[in-house]
Amino acid sequence: MLKIIKKSFSSKIFPSASAALADLGSGSRVLIGGFGLCGIPENLIRELSNRSDLNNLTVVSNNCGTTNDGLGIVLKQKKIKRMIASYVGENSEFEAQYLGGELELELVPQGTLAEKLRAGGAGIPAFYTPTGYATIVQEGGFPIKVGKDRKSVVIASEKKEVKEFDGKHYVMERCITGDFALIKGWKADTKGNIIFNKTARNFNYDCATAGKITVAEVEEIVPEGQLNPDEIHLPGIYVHRLIKGEKYEKKIERRTIFKGDSTQSLAKSVDDFKRERIAKRAALELRDGMYVNLGIGIPTLVPSFVDPSIKIELQSENGMLGMGPYPTEDQVNPDLINAGKETITETPGCVYFSSSQSFAMVRGKHLAITILGALQVSKDGDLANWIIPGKLVKGMGGAMDLVASGSKVVITMEHVAKGNSHKILDKCTLPLTGKGVCSKIITDLGVFDFERGNGITLIEMFEGVTLEQIKSLTGCQFNVANDLKTLKF
């Protein structure tokens, strides 16, 4: 007869963050879960900040918090030597340290970063992905560290191996593991089995699997056996140390509140009017039953103008399928945000998942359409929307993964930049997000379709706009459809 040996797992529970991180030393590679400020291990990050002996850390996380919150407080203390992330965002300290030559920065597409962690935790040393092909990510030369003069490149990224499979090019990416992984869960049992809450799962699952020592902080710890086994998200085999967090602020980066009937006009200024009519036209691209991903900015306005008879599912790359509208004040939940870090609600039947599973949906072409903004688009369908070298460093986030998926890519943007400089060009002058990836451009002047090998064709223009006006504000030649339509939004 098989004898069951029961082992106590109480040794996983530590009394405090300081006890759990006592052996984390300078120079460590630390993987940290969270997305923006959602689902971050607040108490463990606070302990990193309190440790005066720590320096030269390599931190792997989707982003670095904000200037004064989350990982931003550790960055501000200049304890981080190298940041491996997908997004700089609005963290001015992050941007300033990088552009000033004080911080090394590896920018990684968001889905690639999630998969590097997932595969690293699965013992896979490398993999091939279509994401980043023919961009600086694959070709190399991105300035990981710039000189104090803000111009010279001290460390540059290396060129990556490319292989062709079934006529498509793929980039080889090395995986990531860490000395420590710091994650945030909602509930745990004494075995370290963890349940996450809504979009607070994000990168926490993937970081946990890739850490040599994974330290989890949770809001509640219950005895083993009290969690429903079918509801556990992260098995305790991945969790080595566990603490009950002392204090949670759960700050929200973009507290976005529903303010009345979404069918009412949103236009309040000339710029608002332009954005509104772009979004109205983009809404016509959506069909009943589509799974849809929306970028930040103008794309987030699109759902307000979708015909009520059309039912779509909105996917957010931070780990949600089935996004609803902005919440009323009493519905705000800091564990429920979209990819733009805005508060949102859920629709009936919505589901949550990890960042790596989110981008498996993207790369696997399970989405019908992606709507994104842009800095520049070329007549051949090349897209640039993530960086202005030496000036603006936002990061590519999930855009490179989305445009490399093979799903339909619709670009929504104002026709020209400030000063009337062209955004639609013969060739993009900014670093590419993807090569030959765009299907359609919708601007405040008109709509263009792409014909591979034959440039772009103007198929629609808005009422009050002339063809001569569009030609003067477009930085390349384009075809004009024989049945050019006028839009009366």
Protein backbone atom coordinates (compact mmCIF):
# COMPACT_ATOMS: atom_id res chain seq x y z
CA MET A 1 0.00 0.00 0.00
CA LEU A 2 1.35 3.43 -1.00
CA LYS A 3 2.24 5.53 2.03
CA ILE A 4 1.48 9.24 1.70
CA ILE A 5 4.16 11.42 3.26
CA LYS A 6 2.83 14.81 4.26
CA LYS A 7 5.34 17.64 4.18
CA SER A 8 4.88 21.01 5.84
CA PHE A 9 5.23 24.02 3.55
CA SER A 10 5.11 26.58 6.36
CA SER A 11 8.79 27.33 5.71
CA LYS A 12 7.70 29.24 2.59
CA ILE A 13 6.02 31.91 4.71
CA PHE A 14 8.27 34.79 5.76
CA PRO A 15 7.37 37.38 8.39
CA SER A 16 8.23 40.44 6.30
CA ALA A 17 9.52 41.74 2.98
CA SER A 18 12.91 42.47 4.55
CA ALA A 19 13.25 38.88 5.73
CA ALA A 20 12.20 37.49 2.35
CA LEU A 21 14.73 39.65 0.48
CA ALA A 22 17.60 39.56 2.96
CA ASP A 23 19.89 37.68 0.55
CA LEU A 24 19.08 39.75 -2.54
CA GLY A 25 22.35 41.52 -3.23
CA SER A 26 23.77 44.21 -5.47
CA GLY A 27 24.24 43.19 -9.07
CA SER A 28 21.29 40.77 -9.00
CA ARG A 29 18.97 40.27 -11.96
CA VAL A 30 15.46 40.85 -10.62
CA LEU A 31 12.22 40.04 -12.48
CA ILE A 32 9.28 42.14 -11.29
CA GLY A 33 5.62 41.57 -12.13
CA GLY A 34 2.98 44.18 -12.81
CA PHE A 35 1.76 46.36 -15.66
CA GLY A 36 2.05 50.05 -15.00
CA LEU A 37 1.04 50.26 -11.34
CA CYS A 38 -1.48 47.42 -11.62
CA GLY A 39 -0.50 44.22 -9.87
CA ILE A 40 2.91 45.41 -8.71
CA PRO A 41 4.49 43.88 -5.57
CA GLU A 42 4.31 47.12 -3.59
CA ASN A 43 5.82 45.86 -0.34
CA LEU A 44 8.73 44.10 -2.04
CA ILE A 45 9.47 47.16 -4.17
CA ARG A 46 9.33 49.31 -1.04
CA GLU A 47 11.92 47.01 0.54
CA LEU A 48 14.23 47.44 -2.47
CA SER A 49 13.88 51.18 -1.95
CA ASN A 50 14.64 50.90 1.77
CA ARG A 51 17.82 48.86 1.21
CA SER A 52 20.65 51.41 1.19
CA ASP A 53 23.19 48.68 0.35
CA LEU A 54 21.65 47.78 -3.03
CA ASN A 55 22.98 49.02 -6.38
CA ASN A 56 23.79 47.92 -9.94
CA LEU A 57 20.57 45.94 -10.29
CA THR A 58 19.39 44.58 -13.61
CA VAL A 59 15.60 44.80 -13.53
CA VAL A 60 13.28 43.00 -15.95
CA SER A 61 9.74 44.35 -15.94
CA ASN A 62 7.24 45.53 -18.54
CA ASN A 63 7.85 49.12 -17.49
CA CYS A 64 9.32 51.04 -14.56
CA GLY A 65 6.30 52.45 -12.78
CA THR A 66 5.81 56.19 -12.80
CA THR A 67 8.21 58.94 -11.77
CA ASN A 68 7.18 58.72 -8.10
CA ASP A 69 5.46 55.35 -7.73
CA GLY A 70 6.15 51.67 -8.16
CA LEU A 71 9.59 50.82 -9.55
CA GLY A 72 10.04 54.53 -10.24
CA ILE A 73 11.09 55.06 -6.61
CA VAL A 74 13.94 52.53 -6.98
CA LEU A 75 14.98 54.05 -10.30
CA LYS A 76 15.00 57.53 -8.77
CA GLN A 77 17.50 56.30 -6.17
CA LYS A 78 19.73 55.17 -9.09
CA LYS A 79 19.92 51.59 -7.87
CA ILE A 80 19.15 50.20 -11.32
CA LYS A 81 22.05 49.79 -13.74
CA ARG A 82 20.11 48.19 -16.60
CA MET A 83 16.37 48.13 -17.30
CA ILE A 84 14.91 45.47 -19.62
CA ALA A 85 11.39 46.58 -20.50
CA SER A 86 8.92 47.14 -23.32
CA TYR A 87 7.69 50.58 -22.38
CA VAL A 88 9.05 53.80 -20.89
CA GLY A 89 5.71 55.57 -21.04
CA GLU A 90 5.24 58.78 -19.12
CA ASN A 91 8.02 58.13 -16.59
CA SER A 92 10.08 61.29 -17.08
CA GLU A 93 12.83 60.08 -14.70
CA PHE A 94 13.22 56.89 -16.73
CA GLU A 95 13.51 58.85 -19.97
CA ALA A 96 15.88 61.43 -18.46
CA GLN A 97 18.28 58.85 -16.98
CA TYR A 98 18.42 56.95 -20.27
CA LEU A 99 18.89 59.99 -22.51
CA GLY A 100 21.45 61.37 -20.05
CA GLY A 101 23.62 58.26 -20.24
CA GLU A 102 22.97 57.18 -16.65
CA LEU A 103 20.84 54.10 -17.36
CA GLU A 104 21.27 51.14 -19.68
CA LEU A 105 18.03 50.25 -21.47
CA GLU A 106 17.09 47.15 -23.43
CA LEU A 107 13.73 47.77 -25.09
CA VAL A 108 11.96 44.50 -25.92
CA PRO A 109 8.57 44.11 -27.65
CA GLN A 110 6.00 43.35 -24.97
CA GLY A 111 4.95 39.95 -26.30
CA THR A 112 8.56 38.93 -26.87
CA LEU A 113 9.40 39.96 -23.28
CA ALA A 114 6.53 37.86 -21.90
CA GLU A 115 7.58 34.88 -24.02
CA LYS A 116 11.25 35.28 -23.04
CA LEU A 117 10.14 34.88 -19.42
CA ARG A 118 7.65 32.08 -20.07
CA ALA A 119 10.10 30.07 -22.16
CA GLY A 120 12.95 30.79 -19.75
CA GLY A 121 10.88 29.33 -16.93
CA ALA A 122 10.13 26.30 -19.13
CA GLY A 123 13.82 25.57 -19.72
CA ILE A 124 13.81 26.69 -23.35
CA PRO A 125 16.96 28.71 -24.16
CA ALA A 126 15.68 30.48 -27.31
CA PHE A 127 12.80 30.66 -29.78
CA TYR A 128 11.86 32.21 -33.12
CA THR A 129 9.23 34.92 -33.45
CA PRO A 130 8.03 37.10 -36.36
CA THR A 131 8.02 40.11 -34.05
CA GLY A 132 10.66 42.73 -34.80
CA TYR A 133 11.83 41.40 -38.16
CA ALA A 134 13.38 44.14 -40.36
CA THR A 135 13.36 46.59 -37.44
CA ILE A 136 16.14 47.81 -35.17
CA VAL A 137 15.18 44.99 -32.77
CA GLN A 138 16.44 42.46 -35.32
CA GLU A 139 19.00 44.55 -37.20
CA GLY A 140 20.76 45.78 -34.05
CA GLY A 141 22.25 49.17 -33.32
CA PHE A 142 19.73 50.35 -30.73
CA PRO A 143 21.66 52.48 -28.20
CA ILE A 144 21.39 50.51 -24.97
CA LYS A 145 23.56 53.13 -23.34
CA VAL A 146 24.22 56.61 -24.68
CA GLY A 147 27.12 58.87 -23.76
CA LYS A 148 26.90 61.81 -21.39
CA ASP A 149 26.86 64.02 -24.50
CA ARG A 150 23.44 62.44 -25.30
CA LYS A 151 24.68 61.63 -28.82
CA SER A 152 27.40 58.97 -28.75
CA VAL A 153 26.53 55.29 -28.32
CA VAL A 154 28.44 53.50 -25.58
CA ILE A 155 26.63 50.13 -25.84
CA ALA A 156 24.56 49.08 -28.86
CA SER A 157 22.24 46.10 -29.31
CA GLU A 158 23.50 43.21 -31.42
CA LYS A 159 22.07 41.93 -34.68
CA LYS A 160 19.86 38.85 -34.25
CA GLU A 161 19.74 35.64 -36.23
CA VAL A 162 16.91 35.27 -38.76
CA LYS A 163 15.46 32.10 -40.23
CA GLU A 164 12.75 31.59 -42.81
CA PHE A 165 9.90 29.18 -42.15
CA ASP A 166 7.20 28.61 -44.78
CA GLY A 167 8.14 31.78 -46.60
CA LYS A 168 8.07 34.04 -43.53
CA HIS A 169 11.01 35.51 -41.62
CA TYR A 170 11.47 34.92 -37.90
CA VAL A 171 13.88 36.43 -35.37
CA MET A 172 15.71 34.30 -32.81
CA GLU A 173 15.29 35.57 -29.24
CA ARG A 174 17.21 34.36 -26.19
CA CYS A 175 15.15 33.67 -23.10
CA ILE A 176 15.27 35.35 -19.70
CA THR A 177 15.63 33.97 -16.20
CA GLY A 178 16.41 35.89 -13.04
CA ASP A 179 18.16 35.52 -9.69
CA PHE A 180 14.96 36.71 -8.02
CA ALA A 181 11.38 37.18 -9.17
CA LEU A 182 9.14 39.51 -7.16
CA ILE A 183 5.44 39.08 -7.83
CA LYS A 184 2.04 40.12 -6.50
CA GLY A 185 -0.92 37.79 -6.01
CA TRP A 186 -4.36 38.18 -4.50
CA LYS A 187 -4.75 35.01 -2.42
CA ALA A 188 -2.36 32.20 -1.58
CA ASP A 189 -2.38 29.09 0.53
CA THR A 190 0.48 27.94 2.71
CA LYS A 191 1.83 25.78 -0.15
CA GLY A 192 2.34 28.92 -2.24
CA ASN A 193 -0.51 28.23 -4.67
CA ILE A 194 -1.71 31.62 -5.90
CA ILE A 195 -4.86 33.21 -7.30
CA PHE A 196 -4.52 36.52 -9.15
CA ASN A 197 -7.23 39.16 -9.44
CA LYS A 198 -8.42 40.34 -12.86
CA THR A 199 -5.80 42.23 -14.94
CA ALA A 200 -3.36 42.19 -12.00
CA ARG A 201 -2.17 38.82 -13.33
CA ASN A 202 -0.33 40.36 -16.33
CA PHE A 203 3.44 39.66 -16.07
CA ASN A 204 3.26 38.19 -12.58
CA TYR A 205 2.69 34.63 -13.76
CA ASP A 206 5.51 34.72 -16.31
CA CYS A 207 8.01 36.35 -13.94
CA ALA A 208 7.21 33.78 -11.24
CA THR A 209 8.10 30.82 -13.46
CA ALA A 210 11.43 32.35 -14.55
CA GLY A 211 12.85 33.20 -11.12
CA LYS A 212 15.48 31.06 -9.41
CA ILE A 213 14.01 32.39 -6.18
CA THR A 214 10.44 33.64 -6.52
CA VAL A 215 9.08 35.81 -3.73
CA ALA A 216 5.34 36.42 -3.77
CA GLU A 217 3.39 38.93 -1.75
CA VAL A 218 -0.35 38.49 -1.41
CA GLU A 219 -3.29 40.12 0.31
CA GLU A 220 -4.43 36.96 2.08
CA ILE A 221 -2.87 33.61 3.06
CA VAL A 222 -5.13 30.65 3.89
CA PRO A 223 -4.30 27.10 5.04
CA GLU A 224 -3.60 24.51 2.35
CA GLY A 225 -6.78 22.91 1.07
CA GLN A 226 -8.94 26.03 1.37
CA LEU A 227 -8.43 27.18 -2.22
CA ASN A 228 -10.46 25.47 -4.91
CA PRO A 229 -7.83 23.57 -6.96
CA ASP A 230 -9.64 24.46 -10.20
CA GLU A 231 -9.34 28.17 -9.42
CA ILE A 232 -5.59 28.28 -8.73
CA HIS A 233 -3.67 30.22 -11.38
CA LEU A 234 -0.04 29.68 -10.30
CA PRO A 235 1.04 26.35 -8.74
CA GLY A 236 3.10 26.64 -5.57
CA ILE A 237 6.03 24.81 -7.17
CA TYR A 238 7.05 28.16 -8.64
CA VAL A 239 6.83 30.08 -5.34
CA HIS A 240 9.74 29.77 -2.91
CA ARG A 241 8.91 32.54 -0.44
CA LEU A 242 5.60 34.07 0.55
CA ILE A 243 4.63 37.15 2.54
CA LYS A 244 1.36 38.78 3.44
CA GLY A 245 1.60 42.39 2.32
CA GLU A 246 1.35 44.94 5.12
CA LYS A 247 -0.07 47.83 3.16
CA TYR A 248 -1.50 48.33 -0.32
CA GLU A 249 -2.08 51.71 -1.93
CA LYS A 250 -3.03 50.27 -5.34
CA LYS A 251 -2.56 53.56 -7.12
CA ILE A 252 -4.18 54.11 -10.51
CA GLU A 253 -2.24 55.78 -13.33
CA ARG A 254 -5.26 56.89 -15.36
CA ARG A 255 -8.45 56.97 -13.36
CA THR A 256 -10.91 57.20 -16.26
CA ILE A 257 -14.59 57.66 -15.41
CA PHE A 258 -17.66 57.21 -17.61
CA LYS A 259 -19.22 60.66 -18.10
CA GLY A 260 -22.60 60.22 -19.68
CA ASP A 261 -24.11 58.73 -22.80
CA SER A 262 -21.34 57.48 -25.11
CA THR A 263 -23.53 58.14 -28.15
CA GLN A 264 -23.30 61.87 -27.54
CA SER A 265 -20.70 63.86 -29.43
CA LEU A 266 -17.28 63.88 -27.80
CA ALA A 267 -16.08 66.88 -29.80
CA LYS A 268 -15.09 69.90 -27.74
CA SER A 269 -12.33 71.41 -29.84
CA VAL A 270 -10.95 71.22 -33.36
CA ASP A 271 -8.56 68.45 -32.30
CA ASP A 272 -11.35 66.57 -30.53
CA PHE A 273 -13.48 66.84 -33.66
CA LYS A 274 -10.68 65.41 -35.80
CA ARG A 275 -10.14 62.50 -33.42
CA GLU A 276 -13.87 61.82 -33.22
CA ARG A 277 -14.43 61.52 -36.94
CA ILE A 278 -11.35 59.31 -37.35
CA ALA A 279 -12.77 57.02 -34.65
CA LYS A 280 -16.24 57.05 -36.25
CA ARG A 281 -14.79 55.94 -39.58
CA ALA A 282 -12.60 53.28 -37.92
CA ALA A 283 -15.69 51.84 -36.23
CA LEU A 284 -17.01 50.94 -39.69
CA GLU A 285 -14.13 48.48 -40.08
CA LEU A 286 -15.55 46.27 -37.33
CA ARG A 287 -17.83 43.33 -38.10
CA ASP A 288 -20.06 41.24 -35.87
CA GLY A 289 -18.15 38.54 -33.98
CA MET A 290 -14.70 40.07 -34.41
CA TYR A 291 -11.97 39.81 -31.77
CA VAL A 292 -10.35 43.26 -31.77
CA ASN A 293 -7.26 44.89 -30.26
CA LEU A 294 -7.14 48.66 -29.84
CA GLY A 295 -4.00 50.72 -29.30
CA ILE A 296 -3.88 53.76 -27.03
CA GLY A 297 -5.04 57.22 -28.13
CA ILE A 298 -7.59 57.54 -30.95
CA PRO A 299 -8.26 53.76 -31.12
CA THR A 300 -9.72 53.82 -27.58
CA LEU A 301 -12.51 56.09 -28.88
CA VAL A 302 -13.65 53.58 -31.49
CA PRO A 303 -15.98 51.42 -29.32
CA SER A 304 -18.14 54.49 -28.59
CA PHE A 305 -19.16 54.58 -32.27
CA VAL A 306 -19.72 50.90 -33.03
CA ASP A 307 -23.26 50.12 -34.24
CA PRO A 308 -25.16 48.59 -31.27
CA SER A 309 -26.21 45.67 -33.47
CA ILE A 310 -22.55 44.67 -33.89
CA LYS A 311 -21.06 42.58 -31.11
CA ILE A 312 -17.29 42.49 -30.82
CA GLU A 313 -14.84 41.27 -28.18
CA LEU A 314 -12.11 43.72 -27.20
CA GLN A 315 -8.76 42.19 -26.28
CA SER A 316 -6.31 44.06 -24.07
CA GLU A 317 -2.72 42.84 -24.26
CA ASN A 318 -2.26 43.20 -20.50
CA GLY A 319 -4.41 40.07 -20.12
CA MET A 320 -8.14 40.53 -20.76
CA LEU A 321 -10.71 39.53 -23.36
CA GLY A 322 -14.10 41.21 -23.05
CA MET A 323 -13.40 44.83 -22.06
CA GLY A 324 -16.36 47.00 -21.23
CA PRO A 325 -16.74 50.79 -21.10
CA TYR A 326 -15.14 53.13 -18.60
CA PRO A 327 -16.51 52.66 -15.07
CA THR A 328 -18.68 54.92 -12.99
CA GLU A 329 -16.96 56.17 -9.84
CA ASP A 330 -18.36 53.33 -7.71
CA GLN A 331 -17.17 50.70 -10.24
CA VAL A 332 -13.49 51.71 -10.25
CA ASN A 333 -11.20 48.76 -9.52
CA PRO A 334 -7.39 49.27 -9.46
CA ASP A 335 -6.97 45.63 -10.50
CA LEU A 336 -8.98 46.22 -13.67
CA ILE A 337 -7.26 48.38 -16.31
CA ASN A 338 -6.65 48.34 -20.05
CA ALA A 339 -3.35 48.49 -21.95
CA GLY A 340 -3.41 52.29 -21.68
CA LYS A 341 -3.52 51.95 -17.84
CA GLU A 342 -7.08 53.34 -17.85
CA THR A 343 -9.76 52.01 -15.52
CA ILE A 344 -12.35 49.91 -17.34
CA THR A 345 -15.20 47.47 -16.73
CA GLU A 346 -15.81 43.92 -17.87
CA THR A 347 -18.51 42.50 -20.13
CA PRO A 348 -20.43 39.28 -19.36
CA GLY A 349 -18.27 36.29 -20.24
CA CYS A 350 -14.97 38.16 -20.09
CA VAL A 351 -11.80 36.24 -19.24
CA TYR A 352 -8.37 37.05 -17.81
CA PHE A 353 -4.98 35.52 -18.57
CA SER A 354 -1.23 36.05 -18.37
CA SER A 355 0.76 38.35 -20.64
CA SER A 356 2.39 35.40 -22.42
CA GLN A 357 -1.00 33.86 -23.21
CA SER A 358 -2.25 37.24 -24.38
CA PHE A 359 0.48 37.48 -26.97
CA ALA A 360 0.06 33.85 -27.96
CA MET A 361 -3.39 35.00 -29.11
CA VAL A 362 -1.78 37.86 -31.01
CA ARG A 363 1.05 35.95 -32.71
CA GLY A 364 -1.26 33.02 -33.40
CA LYS A 365 -3.47 35.32 -35.51
CA HIS A 366 -6.53 34.78 -33.35
CA LEU A 367 -7.42 38.49 -33.55
CA ALA A 368 -9.27 39.73 -36.62
CA ILE A 369 -8.06 43.32 -36.54
CA THR A 370 -5.74 45.71 -34.72
CA ILE A 371 -6.28 49.49 -34.70
CA LEU A 372 -3.18 51.54 -33.84
CA GLY A 373 -1.84 55.08 -33.92
CA ALA A 374 1.28 56.10 -35.83
CA LEU A 375 4.08 58.65 -36.06
CA GLN A 376 4.78 57.76 -39.72
CA VAL A 377 3.50 55.37 -42.37
CA SER A 378 5.15 54.67 -45.73
CA LYS A 379 3.41 54.05 -49.06
CA ASP A 380 4.63 50.43 -48.81
CA GLY A 381 2.86 49.86 -45.50
CA ASP A 382 5.85 50.32 -43.19
CA LEU A 383 4.90 51.64 -39.75
CA ALA A 384 6.85 53.77 -37.26
CA ASN A 385 5.11 54.54 -33.99
CA TRP A 386 7.39 53.98 -31.03
CA ILE A 387 10.40 56.32 -30.85
CA ILE A 388 11.86 59.62 -32.01
CA PRO A 389 15.63 59.10 -31.54
CA GLY A 390 17.20 61.54 -29.10
CA LYS A 391 13.86 63.09 -28.21
CA LEU A 392 10.92 60.84 -27.48
CA VAL A 393 11.46 57.41 -25.94
CA LYS A 394 8.15 55.69 -25.24
CA GLY A 395 8.95 52.10 -26.16
CA MET A 396 7.21 49.78 -28.56
CA GLY A 397 4.96 48.11 -25.99
CA GLY A 398 2.91 45.47 -27.78
CA ALA A 399 2.76 47.20 -31.17
CA MET A 400 5.54 45.17 -32.83
CA ASP A 401 3.86 41.91 -31.84
CA LEU A 402 0.46 43.11 -33.03
CA VAL A 403 1.61 44.23 -36.49
CA ALA A 404 3.74 41.11 -37.04
CA SER A 405 0.80 38.78 -36.40
CA GLY A 406 -0.63 38.87 -39.91
CA SER A 407 -3.99 40.21 -38.70
CA LYS A 408 -5.50 43.27 -40.39
CA VAL A 409 -3.77 46.45 -39.20
CA VAL A 410 -5.68 49.74 -39.43
CA ILE A 411 -3.82 52.98 -38.66
CA THR A 412 -5.72 55.91 -37.16
CA MET A 413 -3.90 59.25 -36.97
CA GLU A 414 -4.07 62.91 -37.82
CA HIS A 415 -2.89 63.43 -41.38
CA VAL A 416 0.04 65.69 -40.48
CA ALA A 417 2.18 66.30 -37.41
CA LYS A 418 2.69 69.66 -35.75
CA GLY A 419 3.88 72.26 -38.23
CA ASN A 420 2.14 70.35 -41.04
CA SER A 421 5.07 67.96 -41.43
CA HIS A 422 4.14 64.86 -43.41
CA LYS A 423 3.28 61.59 -41.67
CA ILE A 424 2.50 59.61 -44.84
CA LEU A 425 5.79 59.25 -46.73
CA ASP A 426 7.69 57.43 -49.45
CA LYS A 427 9.91 55.97 -46.72
CA CYS A 428 9.68 56.23 -42.95
CA THR A 429 12.55 58.21 -41.46
CA LEU A 430 11.91 56.98 -37.90
CA PRO A 431 12.78 53.48 -36.61
CA LEU A 432 10.23 50.95 -37.84
CA THR A 433 7.63 49.10 -35.81
CA GLY A 434 6.97 46.76 -38.71
CA LYS A 435 7.74 46.45 -42.43
CA GLY A 436 4.87 46.21 -44.93
CA VAL A 437 2.32 45.59 -42.19
CA CYS A 438 -0.40 48.24 -42.66
CA SER A 439 -3.72 47.44 -44.33
CA LYS A 440 -5.46 50.81 -44.16
CA ILE A 441 -4.87 54.39 -42.99
CA ILE A 442 -7.70 56.54 -41.61
CA THR A 443 -6.85 60.21 -41.04
CA ASP A 444 -8.89 63.34 -40.38
CA LEU A 445 -8.78 64.02 -44.15
CA GLY A 446 -9.47 60.65 -45.73
CA VAL A 447 -8.98 56.91 -46.00
CA PHE A 448 -6.22 55.03 -47.88
CA ASP A 449 -5.96 51.36 -48.82
CA PHE A 450 -2.67 49.57 -49.52
CA GLU A 451 -1.99 47.66 -52.69
CA ARG A 452 1.16 45.63 -52.26
CA GLY A 453 3.64 46.72 -54.89
CA ASN A 454 1.42 49.53 -56.07
CA GLY A 455 1.53 52.03 -53.19
CA ILE A 456 -1.57 53.50 -51.58
CA THR A 457 -4.95 54.46 -52.96
CA LEU A 458 -7.22 57.19 -51.63
CA ILE A 459 -10.67 55.57 -51.41
CA GLU A 460 -12.59 58.09 -49.28
CA MET A 461 -12.27 61.71 -48.15
CA PHE A 462 -14.24 63.66 -45.60
CA GLU A 463 -16.81 66.24 -46.58
CA GLY A 464 -15.21 69.70 -46.84
CA VAL A 465 -11.81 68.29 -47.78
CA THR A 466 -10.42 68.69 -51.30
CA LEU A 467 -8.21 66.33 -53.27
CA GLU A 468 -5.68 69.14 -53.73
CA GLN A 469 -5.53 69.61 -49.96
CA ILE A 470 -4.81 65.92 -49.40
CA LYS A 471 -2.11 65.92 -52.08
CA SER A 472 -0.35 68.92 -50.55
CA LEU A 473 -0.35 67.33 -47.08
CA THR A 474 0.79 63.85 -48.15
CA GLY A 475 4.50 63.17 -48.50
CA CYS A 476 4.23 60.65 -51.31
CA GLN A 477 2.35 60.01 -54.54
CA PHE A 478 -0.87 58.04 -54.23
CA ASN A 479 -3.54 56.59 -56.48
CA VAL A 480 -7.12 57.85 -56.44
CA ALA A 481 -9.97 55.36 -56.60
CA ASN A 482 -12.30 55.66 -59.57
CA ASP A 483 -15.26 55.59 -57.18
CA LEU A 484 -13.75 58.00 -54.59
CA LYS A 485 -16.37 58.44 -51.88
CA THR A 486 -17.18 61.42 -49.66
CA LEU A 487 -17.73 60.75 -45.94
CA LYS A 488 -20.29 62.90 -44.17
CA PHE A 489 -19.42 62.50 -40.50
